[in-house]
Protein backbone atom coordinates (compact mmCIF):
# COMPACT_ATOMS: atom_id res chain seq x y z
CA MET A 1 118.79 79.37 154.55
CA ALA A 2 119.59 82.94 155.54
CA GLU A 3 121.63 83.44 152.36
CA ILE A 4 118.56 83.17 150.07
CA GLU A 5 115.74 85.63 150.54
CA GLY A 6 112.03 85.34 149.69
CA GLU A 7 109.42 82.63 149.98
CA ALA A 8 110.02 79.33 148.23
CA PRO A 9 108.08 79.34 144.97
CA PRO A 10 105.48 76.63 144.41
CA ALA A 11 106.49 73.55 142.44
CA ARG A 12 105.97 74.05 138.71
CA ASP A 13 104.52 71.83 136.06
CA ALA A 14 107.01 69.05 135.29
CA THR A 15 106.22 69.42 131.59
CA LEU A 16 108.05 72.75 131.41
CA GLN A 17 110.91 72.80 128.93
CA THR A 18 113.44 73.37 131.73
CA ALA A 19 112.05 70.69 134.04
CA SER A 20 114.37 67.91 132.82
CA SER A 21 117.51 70.07 132.98
CA THR A 22 120.49 69.31 135.24
CA ILE A 23 122.12 72.13 137.19
CA LEU A 24 125.59 72.02 138.75
CA VAL A 25 125.98 74.20 141.88
CA VAL A 26 129.63 75.03 142.61
CA ASP A 27 130.13 76.63 146.05
CA ASP A 28 132.40 75.83 148.97
CA GLU A 29 129.59 76.60 151.46
CA LYS A 30 127.49 73.50 152.04
CA ASN A 31 124.46 75.52 153.20
CA ILE A 32 124.39 77.49 149.93
CA ARG A 33 124.55 74.29 147.90
CA ARG A 34 121.80 72.69 149.99
CA THR A 35 119.54 75.76 149.85
CA LEU A 36 119.96 76.24 146.10
CA GLY A 37 119.31 72.53 145.69
CA MET A 38 116.03 72.77 147.59
CA VAL A 39 114.87 75.85 145.66
CA LEU A 40 115.71 74.53 142.18
CA SER A 41 114.65 70.94 142.86
CA GLY A 42 111.32 72.36 143.96
CA VAL A 43 110.70 73.66 140.43
CA GLY A 44 111.70 70.39 138.77
CA TYR A 45 115.46 70.61 138.13
CA ARG A 46 117.95 67.82 138.77
CA MET A 47 120.86 68.91 140.94
CA LEU A 48 124.58 68.12 141.18
CA GLU A 49 126.97 69.69 143.70
CA ALA A 50 130.67 70.54 143.79
CA GLY A 51 132.67 72.25 146.55
CA SER A 52 135.55 73.38 144.33
CA ALA A 53 136.48 74.15 140.75
CA GLU A 54 138.41 70.87 140.55
CA GLN A 55 135.34 68.86 141.64
CA ALA A 56 133.22 70.82 139.17
CA ILE A 57 135.56 69.90 136.30
CA GLU A 58 135.19 66.22 137.21
CA CYS A 59 131.40 66.59 137.12
CA LEU A 60 131.54 68.37 133.76
CA LYS A 61 133.64 65.55 132.30
CA ASN A 62 131.14 62.85 133.32
CA PRO A 63 129.22 61.84 130.15
CA LEU A 64 126.54 60.09 132.21
CA HIS A 65 125.32 63.39 133.67
CA PRO A 66 125.33 66.15 131.03
CA ILE A 67 125.10 69.61 132.58
CA ASP A 68 122.61 72.18 131.26
CA LEU A 69 123.70 75.09 133.51
CA ALA A 70 126.27 75.83 136.21
CA ILE A 71 125.88 78.20 139.17
CA VAL A 72 129.41 79.16 140.23
CA ASP A 73 130.62 81.09 143.28
CA LEU A 74 133.53 83.46 142.63
CA LYS A 75 135.40 82.61 145.83
CA LEU A 76 136.44 78.97 145.78
CA PRO A 77 139.34 77.08 147.37
CA GLY A 78 142.09 76.49 144.81
CA GLN A 79 140.98 77.77 141.40
CA SER A 80 138.58 80.70 141.58
CA GLY A 81 135.14 80.81 140.03
CA LEU A 82 136.49 83.08 137.29
CA ASP A 83 139.20 80.51 136.55
CA LEU A 84 136.54 77.81 136.25
CA LEU A 85 134.38 80.01 134.01
CA GLU A 86 137.33 80.79 131.74
CA SER A 87 138.26 77.11 131.55
CA MET A 88 134.70 76.12 130.63
CA LYS A 89 134.46 78.69 127.84
CA ARG A 90 137.81 77.58 126.37
CA ASP A 91 136.76 73.92 126.20
CA ASP A 92 134.57 73.04 123.19
CA ALA A 93 132.81 70.37 125.26
CA THR A 94 131.57 72.91 127.84
CA SER A 95 131.71 76.26 126.04
CA ASP A 96 127.97 76.35 125.34
CA ILE A 97 126.93 75.59 128.95
CA PRO A 98 125.45 78.78 130.46
CA VAL A 99 127.02 79.91 133.75
CA VAL A 100 125.39 82.05 136.44
CA VAL A 101 128.00 83.60 138.75
CA ILE A 102 127.26 84.39 142.42
CA SER A 103 129.38 86.10 145.09
CA GLY A 104 129.14 87.51 148.60
CA HIS A 105 132.04 89.95 148.27
CA ALA A 106 132.19 90.86 144.62
CA SER A 107 133.25 94.16 143.14
CA VAL A 108 131.88 95.81 140.02
CA GLN A 109 135.13 94.83 138.32
CA ASP A 110 134.50 91.15 139.19
CA ALA A 111 131.01 91.32 137.72
CA VAL A 112 132.23 92.97 134.51
CA GLN A 113 135.03 90.40 134.18
CA ALA A 114 132.57 87.51 134.65
CA ILE A 115 130.27 88.83 131.92
CA LYS A 116 133.24 89.38 129.60
CA LEU A 117 134.29 85.76 130.11
CA GLY A 118 130.84 84.58 129.07
CA ALA A 119 128.69 84.41 132.22
CA SER A 120 124.99 84.68 131.40
CA ASP A 121 124.15 86.46 134.70
CA PHE A 122 125.68 87.69 137.97
CA PHE A 123 124.12 87.85 141.48
CA GLU A 124 125.35 89.07 144.83
CA LYS A 125 124.55 87.22 148.04
CA PRO A 126 122.11 87.05 149.73
CA LEU A 127 120.36 85.53 146.77
CA ASN A 128 116.72 86.13 145.88
CA ARG A 129 114.80 82.92 145.08
CA ASP A 130 112.59 84.34 142.35
CA ARG A 131 115.43 86.12 140.58
CA ILE A 132 117.59 83.00 140.63
CA VAL A 133 114.80 80.80 139.25
CA VAL A 134 113.95 83.27 136.49
CA SER A 135 117.62 83.71 135.57
CA VAL A 136 118.19 79.95 135.44
CA GLU A 137 115.14 79.41 133.22
CA ASN A 138 116.10 82.23 130.86
CA SER A 139 119.74 81.10 130.65
CA ILE A 140 118.81 77.49 129.84
CA ARG A 141 116.15 78.53 127.34
CA GLY A 142 118.58 80.96 125.68
CA ALA A 143 121.30 78.31 125.41
CA ARG A 144 118.88 75.83 123.85
CA LEU A 145 117.69 78.46 121.40
CA ARG A 146 121.28 79.25 120.39
CA ARG A 147 122.00 75.54 119.86
CA THR A 148 118.84 75.21 117.76
CA VAL A 149 119.80 78.20 115.64
CA GLU A 150 123.32 76.83 115.17
CA GLN A 151 121.95 73.44 114.17
CA MET A 152 119.61 75.09 111.69
CA ARG A 153 122.53 77.11 110.31
CA LEU A 154 124.62 73.96 109.85
CA GLU A 155 121.70 72.15 108.20
CA LEU A 156 121.17 75.14 105.91
CA GLU A 157 124.85 75.17 104.95
CA GLN A 158 124.70 71.44 104.26
CA ARG A 159 121.58 71.92 102.17
CA TYR A 160 123.27 74.59 100.09
CA GLN A 161 126.55 72.70 99.72
CA MET A 162 127.81 72.08 96.20
CA VAL A 163 128.84 68.49 95.44
CA GLY A 164 131.39 67.31 92.89
CA THR A 165 135.04 66.51 92.20
CA SER A 166 135.18 67.25 88.46
CA GLU A 167 137.74 69.75 87.17
CA PRO A 168 135.13 72.34 86.02
CA LEU A 169 133.62 72.38 89.52
CA GLN A 170 137.02 72.42 91.23
CA LYS A 171 137.95 75.48 89.15
CA LEU A 172 134.72 77.14 90.29
CA PHE A 173 135.61 76.32 93.93
CA ARG A 174 139.06 77.87 93.50
CA ASP A 175 137.56 81.05 92.03
CA ILE A 176 135.02 81.26 94.87
CA ASP A 177 137.83 80.94 97.44
CA ARG A 178 139.71 83.80 95.76
CA VAL A 179 136.88 86.30 95.48
CA ALA A 180 134.75 85.49 98.55
CA PRO A 181 136.93 87.36 101.12
CA THR A 182 136.93 90.54 99.01
CA LYS A 183 134.36 93.30 98.59
CA ALA A 184 134.15 92.79 94.82
CA ASN A 185 130.78 92.54 93.08
CA VAL A 186 130.33 89.16 91.39
CA LEU A 187 128.29 88.27 88.30
CA ILE A 188 127.32 84.58 88.34
CA THR A 189 126.35 83.13 84.97
CA GLY A 190 125.12 79.70 83.94
CA GLU A 191 122.16 77.79 82.62
CA SER A 192 118.97 77.41 84.62
CA GLY A 193 119.28 74.76 87.31
CA THR A 194 123.07 74.73 87.54
CA GLY A 195 123.21 76.06 91.11
CA LYS A 196 123.89 79.79 90.81
CA GLU A 197 122.17 80.44 94.14
CA LEU A 198 124.46 77.88 95.82
CA VAL A 199 127.43 79.85 94.53
CA SER A 200 126.03 83.09 95.94
CA ARG A 201 125.48 81.49 99.35
CA ALA A 202 129.01 80.06 99.32
CA LEU A 203 130.40 83.52 98.52
CA HIS A 204 128.49 84.99 101.47
CA ARG A 205 129.39 82.16 103.84
CA LEU A 206 133.12 82.50 103.08
CA SER A 207 133.15 86.30 103.30
CA PRO A 208 133.75 88.60 106.30
CA ARG A 209 130.00 89.36 106.10
CA ARG A 210 128.99 85.78 106.96
CA ASP A 211 127.26 86.81 110.21
CA ALA A 212 125.36 89.68 108.55
CA PRO A 213 122.13 89.30 106.50
CA PHE A 214 121.99 87.43 103.21
CA VAL A 215 119.02 88.75 101.22
CA LYS A 216 117.86 87.08 98.01
CA VAL A 217 115.73 88.78 95.34
CA ASN A 218 114.25 87.00 92.31
CA CYS A 219 114.02 89.82 89.77
CA ALA A 220 112.12 87.66 87.27
CA ALA A 221 109.34 86.87 89.76
CA MET A 222 108.85 90.45 90.93
CA PRO A 223 106.26 92.62 89.13
CA ARG A 224 107.86 95.55 87.29
CA GLU A 225 105.71 98.11 89.10
CA LEU A 226 106.79 96.78 92.52
CA ILE A 227 110.49 96.11 92.05
CA GLU A 228 111.64 99.65 92.96
CA SER A 229 109.50 99.63 96.10
CA GLU A 230 110.82 96.19 97.09
CA LEU A 231 114.47 97.05 96.47
CA PHE A 232 114.58 100.60 97.84
CA GLY A 233 111.54 100.80 100.13
CA HIS A 234 108.82 103.43 100.14
CA GLU A 235 107.28 106.08 102.33
CA ARG A 236 103.68 106.24 103.45
CA GLY A 237 101.45 107.58 100.67
CA ALA A 238 104.12 107.17 97.98
CA PHE A 239 101.57 105.35 95.82
CA THR A 240 98.11 103.81 96.09
CA GLY A 241 98.23 101.09 98.72
CA ALA A 242 101.32 102.44 100.51
CA HIS A 243 99.63 102.69 103.92
CA GLY A 244 102.91 102.83 105.82
CA ALA A 245 106.66 103.23 105.37
CA LYS A 246 108.60 100.15 104.33
CA ARG A 247 112.29 99.26 104.43
CA GLY A 248 113.64 98.08 101.10
CA LEU A 249 115.76 94.99 100.55
CA PHE A 250 118.92 97.09 100.20
CA GLU A 251 118.29 98.46 103.71
CA GLN A 252 117.58 94.97 105.04
CA ALA A 253 120.88 93.74 103.60
CA HIS A 254 122.89 96.60 105.16
CA GLY A 255 126.24 95.25 106.31
CA GLY A 256 125.65 91.97 104.48
CA THR A 257 125.04 90.59 101.00
CA LEU A 258 122.25 91.24 98.49
CA PHE A 259 121.78 88.57 95.82
CA LEU A 260 119.90 89.72 92.71
CA ASP A 261 118.87 86.53 90.93
CA GLU A 262 117.86 86.75 87.24
CA ILE A 263 119.08 90.34 87.05
CA GLY A 264 118.77 90.18 83.26
CA ASP A 265 114.99 90.55 83.74
CA MET A 266 115.24 93.77 85.75
CA ASP A 267 113.50 96.92 84.49
CA LEU A 268 115.80 99.62 83.05
CA THR A 269 114.56 102.23 85.55
CA ALA A 270 115.38 99.97 88.48
CA GLN A 271 118.76 99.23 86.88
CA ALA A 272 119.62 102.94 87.02
CA LYS A 273 118.88 103.08 90.75
CA VAL A 274 120.88 99.92 91.42
CA LEU A 275 123.79 101.53 89.58
CA ARG A 276 123.57 104.57 91.87
CA VAL A 277 123.83 102.35 94.96
CA LEU A 278 126.84 100.57 93.50
CA GLN A 279 128.57 103.85 92.66
CA ASN A 280 128.21 105.69 95.97
CA GLY A 281 126.18 103.54 98.35
CA GLU A 282 123.25 105.99 98.29
CA LEU A 283 119.55 105.34 97.85
CA SER A 284 116.20 107.00 98.43
CA ARG A 285 112.92 105.32 99.22
CA VAL A 286 110.11 105.70 96.73
CA GLY A 287 108.26 108.91 97.62
CA SER A 288 111.16 110.37 99.63
CA GLU A 289 113.93 112.84 98.88
CA HIS A 290 115.95 111.75 101.89
CA VAL A 291 119.21 110.07 100.88
CA MET A 292 120.49 107.24 103.02
CA HIS A 293 123.75 105.30 102.86
CA VAL A 294 123.96 101.51 102.82
CA ASP A 295 126.88 99.12 102.92
CA VAL A 296 125.94 96.15 100.75
CA ARG A 297 127.95 93.65 98.75
CA LEU A 298 126.08 92.87 95.54
CA LEU A 299 125.99 89.46 93.90
CA ALA A 300 124.00 89.02 90.69
CA ALA A 301 123.09 85.99 88.61
CA THR A 302 121.59 85.42 85.17
CA ASN A 303 121.12 82.69 82.59
CA LYS A 304 121.09 85.31 79.83
CA ASP A 305 124.00 86.66 77.78
CA LEU A 306 124.15 90.16 79.25
CA GLY A 307 126.50 91.26 76.45
CA ARG A 308 123.74 90.57 73.93
CA GLU A 309 121.18 92.20 76.23
CA VAL A 310 123.34 95.35 76.30
CA ALA A 311 123.63 95.34 72.50
CA ALA A 312 119.85 94.98 72.23
CA GLY A 313 119.29 97.94 74.59
CA ARG A 314 117.63 95.82 77.28
CA PHE A 315 120.43 96.15 79.85
CA ARG A 316 122.52 99.13 80.89
CA GLU A 317 126.13 98.87 79.76
CA ASP A 318 127.46 100.83 82.76
CA LEU A 319 125.65 98.50 85.19
CA PHE A 320 126.96 95.48 83.29
CA PHE A 321 130.55 96.67 83.77
CA ARG A 322 129.89 97.41 87.46
CA LEU A 323 128.56 93.92 88.04
CA GLU A 324 131.18 92.07 86.06
CA VAL A 325 134.07 92.94 88.37
CA PHE A 326 134.59 89.22 88.90
CA PRO A 327 132.55 86.90 86.64
CA LEU A 328 131.89 83.34 87.76
CA HIS A 329 130.50 80.75 85.34
CA VAL A 330 128.71 77.71 86.78
CA PRO A 331 129.25 74.68 84.49
CA ALA A 332 126.27 72.78 83.09
CA LEU A 333 125.76 69.23 84.34
CA ARG A 334 126.63 67.78 80.93
CA GLU A 335 130.09 69.39 81.34
CA ARG A 336 130.74 67.36 84.51
CA PRO A 337 129.10 63.93 84.11
CA SER A 338 131.53 62.36 86.60
CA ASP A 339 129.75 64.34 89.37
CA ILE A 340 126.36 62.77 88.64
CA PRO A 341 126.81 59.68 90.90
CA LEU A 342 127.98 61.90 93.80
CA LEU A 343 125.02 64.22 93.34
CA ALA A 344 122.58 61.31 93.13
CA GLU A 345 123.99 59.78 96.32
CA ALA A 346 123.68 63.13 98.11
CA PHE A 347 120.10 63.67 96.92
CA VAL A 348 119.01 60.17 97.96
CA GLY A 349 120.63 60.52 101.39
CA SER A 350 119.05 63.91 101.99
CA PHE A 351 115.63 62.73 100.76
CA CYS A 352 115.65 59.65 103.01
CA GLN A 353 116.73 61.69 106.03
CA GLU A 354 114.09 64.39 105.50
CA ASN A 355 111.33 61.80 105.13
CA GLY A 356 112.42 59.47 107.93
CA LEU A 357 113.28 56.61 105.55
CA ARG A 358 116.02 54.05 105.85
CA THR A 359 118.94 54.94 103.58
CA LYS A 360 118.54 53.27 100.19
CA ARG A 361 121.29 51.67 98.14
CA ILE A 362 121.73 52.56 94.48
CA ASP A 363 122.40 50.03 91.72
CA PRO A 364 125.50 51.00 89.68
CA ALA A 365 123.44 50.59 86.49
CA PHE A 366 121.23 53.40 87.78
CA PHE A 367 124.24 55.71 87.84
CA GLN A 368 125.22 54.67 84.32
CA ALA A 369 121.74 55.43 83.03
CA LEU A 370 121.82 58.86 84.69
CA GLN A 371 125.14 59.66 83.06
CA GLN A 372 123.74 58.84 79.62
CA ARG A 373 121.13 61.60 79.83
CA ALA A 374 121.63 65.13 78.54
CA TRP A 375 120.07 66.96 81.57
CA PRO A 376 118.97 70.24 79.96
CA GLY A 377 117.46 71.10 83.35
CA ASN A 378 120.86 70.48 84.98
CA VAL A 379 121.20 69.72 88.70
CA ARG A 380 117.64 70.78 89.50
CA GLU A 381 116.25 68.25 87.01
CA LEU A 382 118.59 65.53 88.29
CA LYS A 383 117.39 66.13 91.86
CA ASN A 384 113.74 65.80 90.86
CA VAL A 385 114.37 62.59 88.90
CA VAL A 386 116.42 60.99 91.67
CA GLU A 387 113.86 61.84 94.36
CA ARG A 388 111.06 60.40 92.23
CA ALA A 389 113.07 57.19 91.76
CA ALA A 390 113.64 57.05 95.53
CA ILE A 391 109.88 57.22 96.10
CA LEU A 392 109.17 54.45 93.56
CA SER A 393 111.95 52.11 94.69
CA SER A 394 112.21 49.48 97.38
CA ASP A 395 115.43 49.18 99.42
CA VAL A 396 117.57 49.37 96.28
CA ILE A 397 117.11 52.05 93.63
CA SER A 398 117.46 50.34 90.26
CA ILE A 399 117.18 51.39 86.65
CA ALA A 400 113.60 50.08 86.66
CA ASP A 401 112.71 52.97 89.02
CA LEU A 402 114.09 55.61 86.69
CA PRO A 403 111.36 57.77 85.12
CA GLU A 404 111.22 58.04 81.37
CA ASP A 405 113.48 60.69 79.86
CA PRO A 406 111.07 63.34 78.51
CA HIS A 407 113.79 64.75 76.25
CA VAL A 408 114.33 61.55 74.22
CA SER A 409 112.03 60.22 71.51
CA PRO A 410 111.77 56.42 71.12
CA PHE A 411 112.78 57.00 67.48
CA ASP A 412 115.84 59.11 68.43
CA ASP A 413 114.14 62.23 67.01
CA ASP A 414 113.90 60.60 63.54
CA PRO A 415 110.30 60.62 62.26
CA ARG A 416 110.94 57.63 60.03
CA PRO A 417 110.22 54.17 61.45
CA PRO A 418 113.30 52.01 61.96
CA ALA A 419 114.27 49.41 59.42
CA ALA A 420 112.62 46.56 61.27
CA THR A 421 112.97 44.14 58.36
CA ALA A 422 116.62 44.85 57.68
CA PRO A 423 118.92 41.83 57.99
CA THR A 424 120.39 41.53 61.49
CA ALA A 425 123.44 39.40 60.84
CA ALA A 426 124.77 40.14 57.39
CA LEU A 427 127.14 43.02 56.73
CA PRO A 428 126.10 45.77 54.28
CA SER A 429 128.85 44.77 51.89
CA GLN A 430 127.15 41.40 51.53
CA GLN A 431 123.87 42.98 50.46
CA GLY A 432 122.78 43.37 46.88
CA GLU A 433 121.87 46.94 47.82
CA ARG A 434 124.05 48.85 50.30
CA LEU A 435 122.24 50.01 53.49
CA SER A 436 122.39 53.59 54.68
CA LEU A 437 124.24 54.25 57.96
CA ARG A 438 120.90 54.80 59.67
CA GLU A 439 119.50 51.49 58.42
CA TYR A 440 122.64 49.63 59.45
CA ARG A 441 122.54 51.14 62.94
CA ASP A 442 118.87 50.27 63.36
CA ALA A 443 119.54 46.70 62.23
CA ALA A 444 122.42 46.32 64.67
CA GLU A 445 120.42 47.82 67.55
CA ARG A 446 117.45 45.56 66.82
CA ALA A 447 119.68 42.49 66.77
CA TYR A 448 121.37 43.46 70.04
CA ILE A 449 118.07 44.10 71.84
CA LEU A 450 116.66 40.80 70.56
CA GLN A 451 119.73 38.88 71.71
CA THR A 452 119.62 40.54 75.17
CA LEU A 453 115.94 39.62 75.52
CA VAL A 454 116.75 36.01 74.66
CA ASP A 455 119.68 35.98 77.14
CA THR A 456 117.43 37.29 79.93
CA ASP A 457 114.55 34.93 79.05
CA TRP A 458 112.48 37.95 77.96
CA ASN A 459 112.56 39.51 81.43
CA ILE A 460 112.10 43.18 80.52
CA SER A 461 113.49 44.54 83.82
CA ARG A 462 116.65 42.43 83.60
CA ALA A 463 117.10 43.30 79.94
CA ALA A 464 116.71 47.01 80.69
CA VAL A 465 119.40 46.78 83.36
CA ALA A 466 121.71 44.86 80.99
CA LEU A 467 121.17 47.48 78.27
CA SER A 468 121.41 50.42 80.73
CA VAL A 469 118.13 51.94 79.54
CA GLU A 470 114.86 52.66 81.27
CA ARG A 471 112.26 49.91 81.12
CA THR A 472 109.74 52.23 79.46
CA ASN A 473 112.22 53.10 76.73
CA LEU A 474 112.96 49.42 76.15
CA HIS A 475 109.24 48.74 75.68
CA LYS A 476 109.13 51.53 73.08
CA LYS A 477 112.13 50.11 71.25
CA ILE A 478 110.55 46.66 71.15
CA ARG A 479 107.34 48.09 69.67
CA ALA A 480 109.19 50.35 67.25
CA TYR A 481 111.37 47.53 65.89
CA GLY A 482 108.48 45.07 65.82
CA ILE A 483 110.38 42.54 67.91
CA LYS A 484 108.27 39.45 68.68
CA ARG A 485 108.92 36.70 71.16
CA GLY A 486 109.81 33.46 69.38
CA GLU A 487 111.33 35.02 66.25
CA GLU A 488 114.81 34.10 67.49
């Protein structure tokens, strides 16, 4: 008991976050292990003991007793405490376990070496109870926070992961791999909803700046009178309402990546200032003459044709050339229909996980129906449709759960009613008057729908699945063609 100074602290509330944690005490002195055990058990920790580094390794390998923190003495028989610490930090299974190092005869060099190897704290004997308890709590809480942040980072990466095996997407992946490690500015083009932000995040994640900030700006959503202040910051009193100084987004992205989404909507005055930053890395806050330097990699995205915007005088030509160092085009969903089933599977899995639902199966006919759509809203529209179908469905997502396609008219965009009375079996060459191609197609479609209804005993859901159309669209076709039960 003489090795630990101070009064024993009172027992703490067992509901504390650290109360269920397990601590491994590694010391060849039995009295130290017993005293530390009494102190830490008194505040709610579970204790394990080891008299050597070899015994400690056996404890760390035991899956039945996961260790949340280790207290390790430097002087141990056999391997030293520093050897044990180094071994723990090299092993993926134990590298995230915080280690508090203690010693009765340590030098400053030993303490520095322990911290370099990854120790969270260092104490000389005799130990102080309060300091040990506080250090243990902080070390465990810090380790849990780091694990939470890492888990959130992995979930974020998974959320922003692009899905697909089609050649257009594979080409995009290859281009991303080439340009991501460089400092080059990248202009990302593509239709709305194709995933331009996902590309920007992939570029950042695969770059040397991955651990620095990633700052996103939606230029289209930012009021023109505020965009300069938001991008470059402002000083107090620079304009009405500027009650204090503010760091701009360029400053916030220093050392990292700034993503200017919808840059085609940026004001010409702001474009000139962005150009200045790209040219020499210099900017000034609104209301200030002080010039500051920033190190930012710029990524920009637009669904506009910037070449036409330049010709129309709405976009600076010099900025356009600065941005288009390496252009990346994100393909529309209609250019990669083979990726639709993979995307739908991913969206359903993510939706079920986020909402605590059992994973739902998807009928192959559902995939076929998705692939028949045009998807002008691209991946964003597909995600919304698939999630809605997942909400409406039971355990299996079928074509009956697919919402109506808002982009398709029941008359195929032809204002004329279909030729409901046209013959359904005879060929046009057998008619006294030759049918137009449209009339012949309508007659054939009517006959095929009628036959499918007969084959399915007029079960609309089964007929819709057999025809690979939504049930609502089949109802419209039946009404449009004037199909009646019994006419067969």
